[in-house]
Amino acid sequence: MQLENRTNNLVILPNLSSAANLWQRTAGLLALPPLGVGEGLLLQPCTGIHTWFMRYPIDVIFLDKHGVVIKVVENLRPFRIAGPLLRARSIIEMAPGTLRRTPVTNGDRLTIRP
């Protein structure tokens, strides 16, 4: 899948994976190597995350049910919590620095394409 910012007509992540079931969402990135440039993980449904026991930071985008950005977190370090946000319906985790290279702000509308 691919993550696009429809507001700015930009591709944010050309390689987006999905945590499709409860176990995958619970494990998140803990069981995976660090994400590379252009890679991300979609957690849905999801209202909050933690980085307990992770060995690397991540960038995070919180989306509402319409795909509108309601919060961005750059460089979330290990052993931190982001959320929960009651309006959030999905969260996208990505390599640190992604949000600096492809700006995303609150109110942007994002689309996930196959």
PDB file of N, CA and C in Angstrom:
ATOM      1  N   MET A   1       0.840  -1.185   0.000  1.00  0.00           N
ATOM      2  CA  MET A   1       0.000   0.000   0.000  1.00  0.00           C
ATOM      3  C   MET A   1       0.880   1.242   0.000  1.00  0.00           C
ATOM      4  N   GLN A   2       0.248   2.365  -0.254  1.00  0.00           N
ATOM      5  CA  GLN A   2       0.939   3.647  -0.337  1.00  0.00           C
ATOM      6  C   GLN A   2       0.140   4.698   0.422  1.00  0.00           C
ATOM      7  N   LEU A   3       0.828   5.580   1.160  1.00  0.00           N
ATOM      8  CA  LEU A   3       0.175   6.661   1.898  1.00  0.00           C
ATOM      9  C   LEU A   3       0.411   7.979   1.172  1.00  0.00           C
ATOM     10  N   GLU A   4      -0.709   8.657   0.833  1.00  0.00           N
ATOM     11  CA  GLU A   4      -0.635   9.930   0.114  1.00  0.00           C
ATOM     12  C   GLU A   4      -1.275  11.039   0.928  1.00  0.00           C
ATOM     13  N   ASN A   5      -0.700  12.223   0.823  1.00  0.00           N
ATOM     14  CA  ASN A   5      -1.285  13.424   1.419  1.00  0.00           C
ATOM     15  C   ASN A   5      -2.083  14.116   0.321  1.00  0.00           C
ATOM     16  N   ARG A   6      -3.411  13.993   0.360  1.00  0.00           N
ATOM     17  CA  ARG A   6      -4.264  14.587  -0.677  1.00  0.00           C
ATOM     18  C   ARG A   6      -4.260  16.105  -0.594  1.00  0.00           C
ATOM     19  N   THR A   7      -4.044  16.650   0.602  1.00  0.00           N
ATOM     20  CA  THR A   7      -4.023  18.100   0.767  1.00  0.00           C
ATOM     21  C   THR A   7      -2.868  18.720  -0.004  1.00  0.00           C
ATOM     22  N   ASN A   8      -1.698  18.086   0.048  1.00  0.00           N
ATOM     23  CA  ASN A   8      -0.496  18.622  -0.600  1.00  0.00           C
ATOM     24  C   ASN A   8      -0.090  17.872  -1.855  1.00  0.00           C
ATOM     25  N   ASN A   9      -0.865  16.855  -2.251  1.00  0.00           N
ATOM     26  CA  ASN A   9      -0.547  16.052  -3.433  1.00  0.00           C
ATOM     27  C   ASN A   9       0.854  15.443  -3.360  1.00  0.00           C
ATOM     28  N   LEU A  10       1.184  14.833  -2.208  1.00  0.00           N
ATOM     29  CA  LEU A  10       2.496  14.227  -2.006  1.00  0.00           C
ATOM     30  C   LEU A  10       2.355  12.779  -1.574  1.00  0.00           C
ATOM     31  N   VAL A  11       3.281  11.944  -1.993  1.00  0.00           N
ATOM     32  CA  VAL A  11       3.361  10.582  -1.470  1.00  0.00           C
ATOM     33  C   VAL A  11       4.238  10.645  -0.222  1.00  0.00           C
ATOM     34  N   ILE A  12       3.670  10.230   0.899  1.00  0.00           N
ATOM     35  CA  ILE A  12       4.416  10.237   2.158  1.00  0.00           C
ATOM     36  C   ILE A  12       5.193   8.938   2.318  1.00  0.00           C
ATOM     37  N   LEU A  13       4.494   7.816   2.100  1.00  0.00           N
ATOM     38  CA  LEU A  13       5.109   6.500   2.239  1.00  0.00           C
ATOM     39  C   LEU A  13       4.766   5.635   1.026  1.00  0.00           C
ATOM     40  N   PRO A  14       5.733   5.296   0.198  1.00  0.00           N
ATOM     41  CA  PRO A  14       5.442   4.426  -0.933  1.00  0.00           C
ATOM     42  C   PRO A  14       5.263   2.961  -0.528  1.00  0.00           C
ATOM     43  N   ASN A  15       5.685   2.609   0.700  1.00  0.00           N
ATOM     44  CA  ASN A  15       5.597   1.216   1.148  1.00  0.00           C
ATOM     45  C   ASN A  15       4.979   1.160   2.544  1.00  0.00           C
ATOM     46  N   LEU A  16       3.653   1.034   2.596  1.00  0.00           N
ATOM     47  CA  LEU A  16       2.912   1.000   3.857  1.00  0.00           C
ATOM     48  C   LEU A  16       2.357  -0.405   4.075  1.00  0.00           C
ATOM     49  N   SER A  17       2.708  -0.999   5.210  1.00  0.00           N
ATOM     50  CA  SER A  17       2.178  -2.312   5.597  1.00  0.00           C
ATOM     51  C   SER A  17       1.048  -2.098   6.593  1.00  0.00           C
ATOM     52  N   SER A  18       0.264  -3.162   6.808  1.00  0.00           N
ATOM     53  CA  SER A  18      -0.861  -3.069   7.725  1.00  0.00           C
ATOM     54  C   SER A  18      -0.752  -4.131   8.803  1.00  0.00           C
ATOM     55  N   ALA A  19      -1.022  -3.743  10.039  1.00  0.00           N
ATOM     56  CA  ALA A  19      -1.160  -4.696  11.135  1.00  0.00           C
ATOM     57  C   ALA A  19      -2.628  -5.104  11.130  1.00  0.00           C
ATOM     58  N   ALA A  20      -2.906  -6.253  10.543  1.00  0.00           N
ATOM     59  CA  ALA A  20      -4.270  -6.633  10.194  1.00  0.00           C
ATOM     60  C   ALA A  20      -5.078  -7.247  11.325  1.00  0.00           C
ATOM     61  N   ASN A  21      -4.412  -7.829  12.326  1.00  0.00           N
ATOM     62  CA  ASN A  21      -5.179  -8.462  13.394  1.00  0.00           C
ATOM     63  C   ASN A  21      -4.709  -7.975  14.761  1.00  0.00           C
ATOM     64  N   LEU A  22      -5.382  -8.402  15.800  1.00  0.00           N
ATOM     65  CA  LEU A  22      -5.084  -7.937  17.157  1.00  0.00           C
ATOM     66  C   LEU A  22      -3.647  -8.231  17.550  1.00  0.00           C
ATOM     67  N   TRP A  23      -3.166  -9.422  17.261  1.00  0.00           N
ATOM     68  CA  TRP A  23      -1.800  -9.766  17.625  1.00  0.00           C
ATOM     69  C   TRP A  23      -0.793  -8.861  16.909  1.00  0.00           C
ATOM     70  N   GLN A  24      -0.980  -8.624  15.617  1.00  0.00           N
ATOM     71  CA  GLN A  24      -0.063  -7.760  14.871  1.00  0.00           C
ATOM     72  C   GLN A  24      -0.100  -6.329  15.397  1.00  0.00           C
ATOM     73  N   ARG A  25      -1.293  -5.830  15.740  1.00  0.00           N
ATOM     74  CA  ARG A  25      -1.399  -4.479  16.300  1.00  0.00           C
ATOM     75  C   ARG A  25      -0.738  -4.395  17.666  1.00  0.00           C
ATOM     76  N   THR A  26      -0.910  -5.441  18.468  1.00  0.00           N
ATOM     77  CA  THR A  26      -0.303  -5.459  19.802  1.00  0.00           C
ATOM     78  C   THR A  26       1.216  -5.486  19.709  1.00  0.00           C
ATOM     79  N   ALA A  27       1.753  -6.296  18.823  1.00  0.00           N
ATOM     80  CA  ALA A  27       3.200  -6.393  18.657  1.00  0.00           C
ATOM     81  C   ALA A  27       3.761  -5.159  17.963  1.00  0.00           C
ATOM     82  N   GLY A  28       3.000  -4.609  17.020  1.00  0.00           N
ATOM     83  CA  GLY A  28       3.445  -3.415  16.296  1.00  0.00           C
ATOM     84  C   GLY A  28       4.840  -3.596  15.721  1.00  0.00           C
ATOM     85  N   LEU A  29       5.693  -2.625  15.996  1.00  0.00           N
ATOM     86  CA  LEU A  29       7.063  -2.666  15.478  1.00  0.00           C
ATOM     87  C   LEU A  29       8.033  -3.392  16.396  1.00  0.00           C
ATOM     88  N   LEU A  30       7.561  -3.831  17.566  1.00  0.00           N
ATOM     89  CA  LEU A  30       8.464  -4.490  18.514  1.00  0.00           C
ATOM     90  C   LEU A  30       9.146  -5.713  17.919  1.00  0.00           C
ATOM     91  N   ALA A  31       8.435  -6.448  17.099  1.00  0.00           N
ATOM     92  CA  ALA A  31       8.985  -7.675  16.539  1.00  0.00           C
ATOM     93  C   ALA A  31       9.667  -7.456  15.189  1.00  0.00           C
ATOM     94  N   LEU A  32       9.756  -6.210  14.757  1.00  0.00           N
ATOM     95  CA  LEU A  32      10.291  -5.917  13.423  1.00  0.00           C
ATOM     96  C   LEU A  32      11.574  -5.095  13.512  1.00  0.00           C
ATOM     97  N   PRO A  33      12.418  -5.191  12.479  1.00  0.00           N
ATOM     98  CA  PRO A  33      13.600  -4.315  12.441  1.00  0.00           C
ATOM     99  C   PRO A  33      13.165  -2.873  12.198  1.00  0.00           C
ATOM    100  N   PRO A  34      14.057  -1.909  12.440  1.00  0.00           N
ATOM    101  CA  PRO A  34      13.693  -0.506  12.199  1.00  0.00           C
ATOM    102  C   PRO A  34      13.186  -0.287  10.774  1.00  0.00           C
ATOM    103  N   LEU A  35      12.210   0.596  10.657  1.00  0.00           N
ATOM    104  CA  LEU A  35      11.659   0.929   9.341  1.00  0.00           C
ATOM    105  C   LEU A  35      12.673   1.722   8.534  1.00  0.00           C
ATOM    106  N   GLY A  36      12.702   1.475   7.249  1.00  0.00           N
ATOM    107  CA  GLY A  36      13.570   2.221   6.355  1.00  0.00           C
ATOM    108  C   GLY A  36      12.855   3.436   5.794  1.00  0.00           C
ATOM    109  N   VAL A  37      13.570   4.230   5.046  1.00  0.00           N
ATOM    110  CA  VAL A  37      12.998   5.413   4.403  1.00  0.00           C
ATOM    111  C   VAL A  37      11.869   4.962   3.481  1.00  0.00           C
ATOM    112  N   GLY A  38      10.709   5.599   3.609  1.00  0.00           N
ATOM    113  CA  GLY A  38       9.571   5.281   2.763  1.00  0.00           C
ATOM    114  C   GLY A  38       8.712   4.132   3.250  1.00  0.00           C
ATOM    115  N   GLU A  39       9.055   3.550   4.409  1.00  0.00           N
ATOM    116  CA  GLU A  39       8.286   2.438   4.952  1.00  0.00           C
ATOM    117  C   GLU A  39       7.457   2.896   6.146  1.00  0.00           C
ATOM    118  N   GLY A  40       6.302   2.250   6.344  1.00  0.00           N
ATOM    119  CA  GLY A  40       5.458   2.571   7.480  1.00  0.00           C
ATOM    120  C   GLY A  40       4.566   1.405   7.844  1.00  0.00           C
ATOM    121  N   LEU A  41       3.937   1.515   9.022  1.00  0.00           N
ATOM    122  CA  LEU A  41       3.024   0.493   9.506  1.00  0.00           C
ATOM    123  C   LEU A  41       1.716   1.156   9.910  1.00  0.00           C
ATOM    124  N   LEU A  42       0.611   0.671   9.350  1.00  0.00           N
ATOM    125  CA  LEU A  42      -0.728   1.150   9.660  1.00  0.00           C
ATOM    126  C   LEU A  42      -1.331   0.299  10.759  1.00  0.00           C
ATOM    127  N   LEU A  43      -1.749   0.938  11.847  1.00  0.00           N
ATOM    128  CA  LEU A  43      -2.436   0.262  12.944  1.00  0.00           C
ATOM    129  C   LEU A  43      -3.879   0.738  12.936  1.00  0.00           C
ATOM    130  N   GLN A  44      -4.805  -0.209  12.684  1.00  0.00           N
ATOM    131  CA  GLN A  44      -6.210   0.182  12.563  1.00  0.00           C
ATOM    132  C   GLN A  44      -7.100  -0.978  12.978  1.00  0.00           C
ATOM    133  N   PRO A  45      -8.034  -0.796  13.907  1.00  0.00           N
ATOM    134  CA  PRO A  45      -8.314   0.424  14.656  1.00  0.00           C
ATOM    135  C   PRO A  45      -7.273   0.628  15.752  1.00  0.00           C
ATOM    136  N   CYS A  46      -7.008   1.878  16.082  1.00  0.00           N
ATOM    137  CA  CYS A  46      -6.002   2.196  17.091  1.00  0.00           C
ATOM    138  C   CYS A  46      -6.182   3.645  17.543  1.00  0.00           C
ATOM    139  N   THR A  47      -6.089   3.878  18.847  1.00  0.00           N
ATOM    140  CA  THR A  47      -6.228   5.241  19.377  1.00  0.00           C
ATOM    141  C   THR A  47      -4.963   5.730  20.087  1.00  0.00           C
ATOM    142  N   GLY A  48      -4.032   4.830  20.364  1.00  0.00           N
ATOM    143  CA  GLY A  48      -2.810   5.230  21.050  1.00  0.00           C
ATOM    144  C   GLY A  48      -1.749   4.153  20.924  1.00  0.00           C
ATOM    145  N   ILE A  49      -0.495   4.551  21.129  1.00  0.00           N
ATOM    146  CA  ILE A  49       0.620   3.613  21.021  1.00  0.00           C
ATOM    147  C   ILE A  49       1.604   3.841  22.154  1.00  0.00           C
ATOM    148  N   HIS A  50       2.522   2.902  22.294  1.00  0.00           N
ATOM    149  CA  HIS A  50       3.658   3.068  23.205  1.00  0.00           C
ATOM    150  C   HIS A  50       4.911   2.569  22.486  1.00  0.00           C
ATOM    151  N   THR A  51       6.041   3.012  22.976  1.00  0.00           N
ATOM    152  CA  THR A  51       7.313   2.547  22.412  1.00  0.00           C
ATOM    153  C   THR A  51       8.132   1.824  23.480  1.00  0.00           C
ATOM    154  N   TRP A  52       7.457   1.208  24.447  1.00  0.00           N
ATOM    155  CA  TRP A  52       8.158   0.432  25.470  1.00  0.00           C
ATOM    156  C   TRP A  52       8.943  -0.683  24.811  1.00  0.00           C
ATOM    157  N   PHE A  53      10.176  -0.839  25.235  1.00  0.00           N
ATOM    158  CA  PHE A  53      11.075  -1.907  24.792  1.00  0.00           C
ATOM    159  C   PHE A  53      11.525  -1.768  23.334  1.00  0.00           C
ATOM    160  N   MET A  54      11.195  -0.680  22.686  1.00  0.00           N
ATOM    161  CA  MET A  54      11.723  -0.449  21.335  1.00  0.00           C
ATOM    162  C   MET A  54      13.154   0.067  21.454  1.00  0.00           C
ATOM    163  N   ARG A  55      13.917  -0.124  20.410  1.00  0.00           N
ATOM    164  CA  ARG A  55      15.322   0.293  20.427  1.00  0.00           C
ATOM    165  C   ARG A  55      15.583   1.500  19.545  1.00  0.00           C
ATOM    166  N   TYR A  56      14.524   2.069  18.966  1.00  0.00           N
ATOM    167  CA  TYR A  56      14.712   3.181  18.035  1.00  0.00           C
ATOM    168  C   TYR A  56      13.479   4.082  18.075  1.00  0.00           C
ATOM    169  N   PRO A  57      13.641   5.373  17.711  1.00  0.00           N
ATOM    170  CA  PRO A  57      12.500   6.292  17.678  1.00  0.00           C
ATOM    171  C   PRO A  57      11.684   6.114  16.398  1.00  0.00           C
ATOM    172  N   ILE A  58      10.474   6.675  16.395  1.00  0.00           N
ATOM    173  CA  ILE A  58       9.599   6.642  15.219  1.00  0.00           C
ATOM    174  C   ILE A  58       8.861   7.965  15.089  1.00  0.00           C
ATOM    175  N   ASP A  59       8.384   8.252  13.885  1.00  0.00           N
ATOM    176  CA  ASP A  59       7.431   9.337  13.641  1.00  0.00           C
ATOM    177  C   ASP A  59       6.043   8.719  13.600  1.00  0.00           C
ATOM    178  N   VAL A  60       5.025   9.481  14.041  1.00  0.00           N
ATOM    179  CA  VAL A  60       3.682   8.933  14.182  1.00  0.00           C
ATOM    180  C   VAL A  60       2.647   9.929  13.673  1.00  0.00           C
ATOM    181  N   ILE A  61       1.629   9.416  12.976  1.00  0.00           N
ATOM    182  CA  ILE A  61       0.486  10.220  12.541  1.00  0.00           C
ATOM    183  C   ILE A  61      -0.787   9.579  13.081  1.00  0.00           C
ATOM    184  N   PHE A  62      -1.627  10.381  13.730  1.00  0.00           N
ATOM    185  CA  PHE A  62      -2.942   9.945  14.190  1.00  0.00           C
ATOM    186  C   PHE A  62      -3.986  10.440  13.192  1.00  0.00           C
ATOM    187  N   LEU A  63      -4.890   9.547  12.753  1.00  0.00           N
ATOM    188  CA  LEU A  63      -5.940   9.901  11.802  1.00  0.00           C
ATOM    189  C   LEU A  63      -7.318   9.665  12.403  1.00  0.00           C
ATOM    190  N   ASP A  64      -8.281  10.518  12.032  1.00  0.00           N
ATOM    191  CA  ASP A  64      -9.665  10.285  12.441  1.00  0.00           C
ATOM    192  C   ASP A  64     -10.330   9.336  11.445  1.00  0.00           C
ATOM    193  N   LYS A  65     -11.628   9.108  11.607  1.00  0.00           N
ATOM    194  CA  LYS A  65     -12.330   8.138  10.750  1.00  0.00           C
ATOM    195  C   LYS A  65     -12.433   8.570   9.296  1.00  0.00           C
ATOM    196  N   HIS A  66     -12.168   9.854   9.002  1.00  0.00           N
ATOM    197  CA  HIS A  66     -12.218  10.352   7.623  1.00  0.00           C
ATOM    198  C   HIS A  66     -10.838  10.457   6.981  1.00  0.00           C
ATOM    199  N   GLY A  67      -9.795  10.030   7.695  1.00  0.00           N
ATOM    200  CA  GLY A  67      -8.440  10.128   7.167  1.00  0.00           C
ATOM    201  C   GLY A  67      -7.825  11.496   7.343  1.00  0.00           C
ATOM    202  N   VAL A  68      -8.383  12.296   8.248  1.00  0.00           N
ATOM    203  CA  VAL A  68      -7.852  13.636   8.524  1.00  0.00           C
ATOM    204  C   VAL A  68      -6.855  13.547   9.679  1.00  0.00           C
ATOM    205  N   VAL A  69      -5.708  14.184   9.510  1.00  0.00           N
ATOM    206  CA  VAL A  69      -4.671  14.173  10.535  1.00  0.00           C
ATOM    207  C   VAL A  69      -5.150  14.968  11.751  1.00  0.00           C
ATOM    208  N   ILE A  70      -5.102  14.318  12.919  1.00  0.00           N
ATOM    209  CA  ILE A  70      -5.484  15.020  14.148  1.00  0.00           C
ATOM    210  C   ILE A  70      -4.289  15.240  15.080  1.00  0.00           C
ATOM    211  N   LYS A  71      -3.179  14.538  14.819  1.00  0.00           N
ATOM    212  CA  LYS A  71      -1.966  14.767  15.606  1.00  0.00           C
ATOM    213  C   LYS A  71      -0.781  14.145  14.897  1.00  0.00           C
ATOM    214  N   VAL A  72       0.363  14.824  14.957  1.00  0.00           N
ATOM    215  CA  VAL A  72       1.620  14.260  14.469  1.00  0.00           C
ATOM    216  C   VAL A  72       2.636  14.301  15.609  1.00  0.00           C
ATOM    217  N   VAL A  73       3.455  13.276  15.674  1.00  0.00           N
ATOM    218  CA  VAL A  73       4.507  13.202  16.691  1.00  0.00           C
ATOM    219  C   VAL A  73       5.798  12.851  15.973  1.00  0.00           C
ATOM    220  N   GLU A  74       6.749  13.760  16.045  1.00  0.00           N
ATOM    221  CA  GLU A  74       8.047  13.507  15.421  1.00  0.00           C
ATOM    222  C   GLU A  74       9.006  12.928  16.444  1.00  0.00           C
ATOM    223  N   ASN A  75       9.775  11.939  16.000  1.00  0.00           N
ATOM    224  CA  ASN A  75      10.873  11.389  16.786  1.00  0.00           C
ATOM    225  C   ASN A  75      10.424  10.919  18.182  1.00  0.00           C
ATOM    226  N   LEU A  76       9.370  10.102  18.223  1.00  0.00           N
ATOM    227  CA  LEU A  76       8.905   9.533  19.486  1.00  0.00           C
ATOM    228  C   LEU A  76       9.933   8.501  19.940  1.00  0.00           C
ATOM    229  N   ARG A  77      10.586   8.796  21.041  1.00  0.00           N
ATOM    230  CA  ARG A  77      11.689   7.955  21.512  1.00  0.00           C
ATOM    231  C   ARG A  77      11.186   6.702  22.236  1.00  0.00           C
ATOM    232  N   PRO A  78      12.073   5.723  22.409  1.00  0.00           N
ATOM    233  CA  PRO A  78      11.690   4.515  23.145  1.00  0.00           C
ATOM    234  C   PRO A  78      11.194   4.829  24.560  1.00  0.00           C
ATOM    235  N   PHE A  79      10.314   3.970  25.054  1.00  0.00           N
ATOM    236  CA  PHE A  79       9.727   4.055  26.397  1.00  0.00           C
ATOM    237  C   PHE A  79       8.870   5.300  26.584  1.00  0.00           C
ATOM    238  N   ARG A  80       8.127   5.661  25.544  1.00  0.00           N
ATOM    239  CA  ARG A  80       7.197   6.784  25.608  1.00  0.00           C
ATOM    240  C   ARG A  80       5.795   6.312  25.223  1.00  0.00           C
ATOM    241  N   ILE A  81       4.798   7.153  25.505  1.00  0.00           N
ATOM    242  CA  ILE A  81       3.402   6.879  25.148  1.00  0.00           C
ATOM    243  C   ILE A  81       2.891   8.041  24.307  1.00  0.00           C
ATOM    244  N   ALA A  82       2.124   7.733  23.274  1.00  0.00           N
ATOM    245  CA  ALA A  82       1.449   8.753  22.462  1.00  0.00           C
ATOM    246  C   ALA A  82      -0.027   8.380  22.409  1.00  0.00           C
ATOM    247  N   GLY A  83      -0.873   9.256  22.887  1.00  0.00           N
ATOM    248  CA  GLY A  83      -2.302   8.981  22.959  1.00  0.00           C
ATOM    249  C   GLY A  83      -2.641   8.439  24.330  1.00  0.00           C
ATOM    250  N   PRO A  84      -3.820   7.910  24.498  1.00  0.00           N
ATOM    251  CA  PRO A  84      -4.827   7.717  23.463  1.00  0.00           C
ATOM    252  C   PRO A  84      -5.563   9.007  23.110  1.00  0.00           C
ATOM    253  N   LEU A  85      -6.000   9.071  21.879  1.00  0.00           N
ATOM    254  CA  LEU A  85      -6.851  10.146  21.396  1.00  0.00           C
ATOM    255  C   LEU A  85      -8.190   9.524  21.024  1.00  0.00           C
ATOM    256  N   LEU A  86      -9.246   9.944  21.678  1.00  0.00           N
ATOM    257  CA  LEU A  86     -10.550   9.320  21.474  1.00  0.00           C
ATOM    258  C   LEU A  86     -11.056   9.451  20.044  1.00  0.00           C
ATOM    259  N   ARG A  87     -10.687  10.526  19.337  1.00  0.00           N
ATOM    260  CA  ARG A  87     -11.125  10.718  17.943  1.00  0.00           C
ATOM    261  C   ARG A  87     -10.316   9.894  16.952  1.00  0.00           C
ATOM    262  N   ALA A  88      -9.169   9.376  17.372  1.00  0.00           N
ATOM    263  CA  ALA A  88      -8.306   8.619  16.454  1.00  0.00           C
ATOM    264  C   ALA A  88      -8.946   7.285  16.096  1.00  0.00           C
ATOM    265  N   ARG A  89      -8.807   6.908  14.836  1.00  0.00           N
ATOM    266  CA  ARG A  89      -9.270   5.605  14.373  1.00  0.00           C
ATOM    267  C   ARG A  89      -8.119   4.771  13.828  1.00  0.00           C
ATOM    268  N   SER A  90      -7.033   5.444  13.437  1.00  0.00           N
ATOM    269  CA  SER A  90      -5.862   4.720  12.950  1.00  0.00           C
ATOM    270  C   SER A  90      -4.605   5.533  13.234  1.00  0.00           C
ATOM    271  N   ILE A  91      -3.504   4.806  13.276  1.00  0.00           N
ATOM    272  CA  ILE A  91      -2.199   5.417  13.536  1.00  0.00           C
ATOM    273  C   ILE A  91      -1.219   4.851  12.527  1.00  0.00           C
ATOM    274  N   ILE A  92      -0.348   5.716  12.045  1.00  0.00           N
ATOM    275  CA  ILE A  92       0.687   5.282  11.108  1.00  0.00           C
ATOM    276  C   ILE A  92       2.042   5.549  11.755  1.00  0.00           C
ATOM    277  N   GLU A  93       2.848   4.490  11.857  1.00  0.00           N
ATOM    278  CA  GLU A  93       4.194   4.592  12.404  1.00  0.00           C
ATOM    279  C   GLU A  93       5.169   4.546  11.238  1.00  0.00           C
ATOM    280  N   MET A  94       6.208   5.382  11.319  1.00  0.00           N
ATOM    281  CA  MET A  94       7.179   5.449  10.227  1.00  0.00           C
ATOM    282  C   MET A  94       8.565   5.781  10.764  1.00  0.00           C
ATOM    283  N   ALA A  95       9.548   5.670   9.904  1.00  0.00           N
ATOM    284  CA  ALA A  95      10.932   5.950  10.282  1.00  0.00           C
ATOM    285  C   ALA A  95      11.072   7.394  10.748  1.00  0.00           C
ATOM    286  N   PRO A  96      11.934   7.638  11.739  1.00  0.00           N
ATOM    287  CA  PRO A  96      12.151   9.021  12.179  1.00  0.00           C
ATOM    288  C   PRO A  96      12.719   9.850  11.037  1.00  0.00           C
ATOM    289  N   GLY A  97      12.277  11.097  10.954  1.00  0.00           N
ATOM    290  CA  GLY A  97      12.717  11.999   9.892  1.00  0.00           C
ATOM    291  C   GLY A  97      11.749  12.056   8.720  1.00  0.00           C
ATOM    292  N   THR A  98      10.813  11.113   8.647  1.00  0.00           N
ATOM    293  CA  THR A  98       9.849  11.102   7.550  1.00  0.00           C
ATOM    294  C   THR A  98       9.004  12.368   7.554  1.00  0.00           C
ATOM    295  N   LEU A  99       8.532  12.780   8.727  1.00  0.00           N
ATOM    296  CA  LEU A  99       7.674  13.967   8.808  1.00  0.00           C
ATOM    297  C   LEU A  99       8.448  15.255   8.524  1.00  0.00           C
ATOM    298  N   ARG A 100       9.751  15.235   8.722  1.00  0.00           N
ATOM    299  CA  ARG A 100      10.567  16.408   8.394  1.00  0.00           C
ATOM    300  C   ARG A 100      10.749  16.512   6.875  1.00  0.00           C
ATOM    301  N   ARG A 101      10.862  15.362   6.196  1.00  0.00           N
ATOM    302  CA  ARG A 101      11.062  15.352   4.744  1.00  0.00           C
ATOM    303  C   ARG A 101       9.768  15.597   3.972  1.00  0.00           C
ATOM    304  N   THR A 102       8.657  15.099   4.485  1.00  0.00           N
ATOM    305  CA  THR A 102       7.361  15.249   3.819  1.00  0.00           C
ATOM    306  C   THR A 102       6.376  15.821   4.832  1.00  0.00           C
ATOM    307  N   PRO A 103       6.308  17.137   4.948  1.00  0.00           N
ATOM    308  CA  PRO A 103       5.509  17.766   5.994  1.00  0.00           C
ATOM    309  C   PRO A 103       4.043  17.327   5.985  1.00  0.00           C
ATOM    310  N   VAL A 104       3.567  16.993   7.180  1.00  0.00           N
ATOM    311  CA  VAL A 104       2.169  16.648   7.414  1.00  0.00           C
ATOM    312  C   VAL A 104       1.727  17.458   8.621  1.00  0.00           C
ATOM    313  N   THR A 105       0.581  18.122   8.510  1.00  0.00           N
ATOM    314  CA  THR A 105       0.091  18.938   9.624  1.00  0.00           C
ATOM    315  C   THR A 105      -1.354  18.570   9.942  1.00  0.00           C
ATOM    316  N   ASN A 106      -1.781  18.958  11.127  1.00  0.00           N
ATOM    317  CA  ASN A 106      -3.168  18.730  11.526  1.00  0.00           C
ATOM    318  C   ASN A 106      -4.107  19.306  10.473  1.00  0.00           C
ATOM    319  N   GLY A 107      -5.130  18.537  10.133  1.00  0.00           N
ATOM    320  CA  GLY A 107      -6.101  18.974   9.135  1.00  0.00           C
ATOM    321  C   GLY A 107      -5.841  18.439   7.745  1.00  0.00           C
ATOM    322  N   ASP A 108      -4.632  17.951   7.472  1.00  0.00           N
ATOM    323  CA  ASP A 108      -4.345  17.341   6.168  1.00  0.00           C
ATOM    324  C   ASP A 108      -5.197  16.084   6.006  1.00  0.00           C
ATOM    325  N   ARG A 109      -5.623  15.812   4.784  1.00  0.00           N
ATOM    326  CA  ARG A 109      -6.400  14.604   4.493  1.00  0.00           C
ATOM    327  C   ARG A 109      -5.475  13.607   3.790  1.00  0.00           C
ATOM    328  N   LEU A 110      -5.354  12.419   4.404  1.00  0.00           N
ATOM    329  CA  LEU A 110      -4.478  11.383   3.868  1.00  0.00           C
ATOM    330  C   LEU A 110      -5.316  10.262   3.260  1.00  0.00           C
ATOM    331  N   THR A 111      -4.742   9.599   2.267  1.00  0.00           N
ATOM    332  CA  THR A 111      -5.396   8.480   1.587  1.00  0.00           C
ATOM    333  C   THR A 111      -4.437   7.311   1.534  1.00  0.00           C
ATOM    334  N   ILE A 112      -4.982   6.123   1.742  1.00  0.00           N
ATOM    335  CA  ILE A 112      -4.187   4.901   1.613  1.00  0.00           C
ATOM    336  C   ILE A 112      -4.622   4.215   0.322  1.00  0.00           C
ATOM    337  N   ARG A 113      -3.658   3.984  -0.548  1.00  0.00           N
ATOM    338  CA  ARG A 113      -3.927   3.361  -1.846  1.00  0.00           C
ATOM    339  C   ARG A 113      -3.297   1.977  -1.891  1.00  0.00           C
ATOM    340  N   PRO A 114      -3.949   1.052  -2.585  1.00  0.00           N
ATOM    341  CA  PRO A 114      -3.378  -0.315  -2.708  1.00  0.00           C
ATOM    342  C   PRO A 114      -2.062  -0.316  -3.478  1.00  0.00           C
TER     343      PRO A 114
END
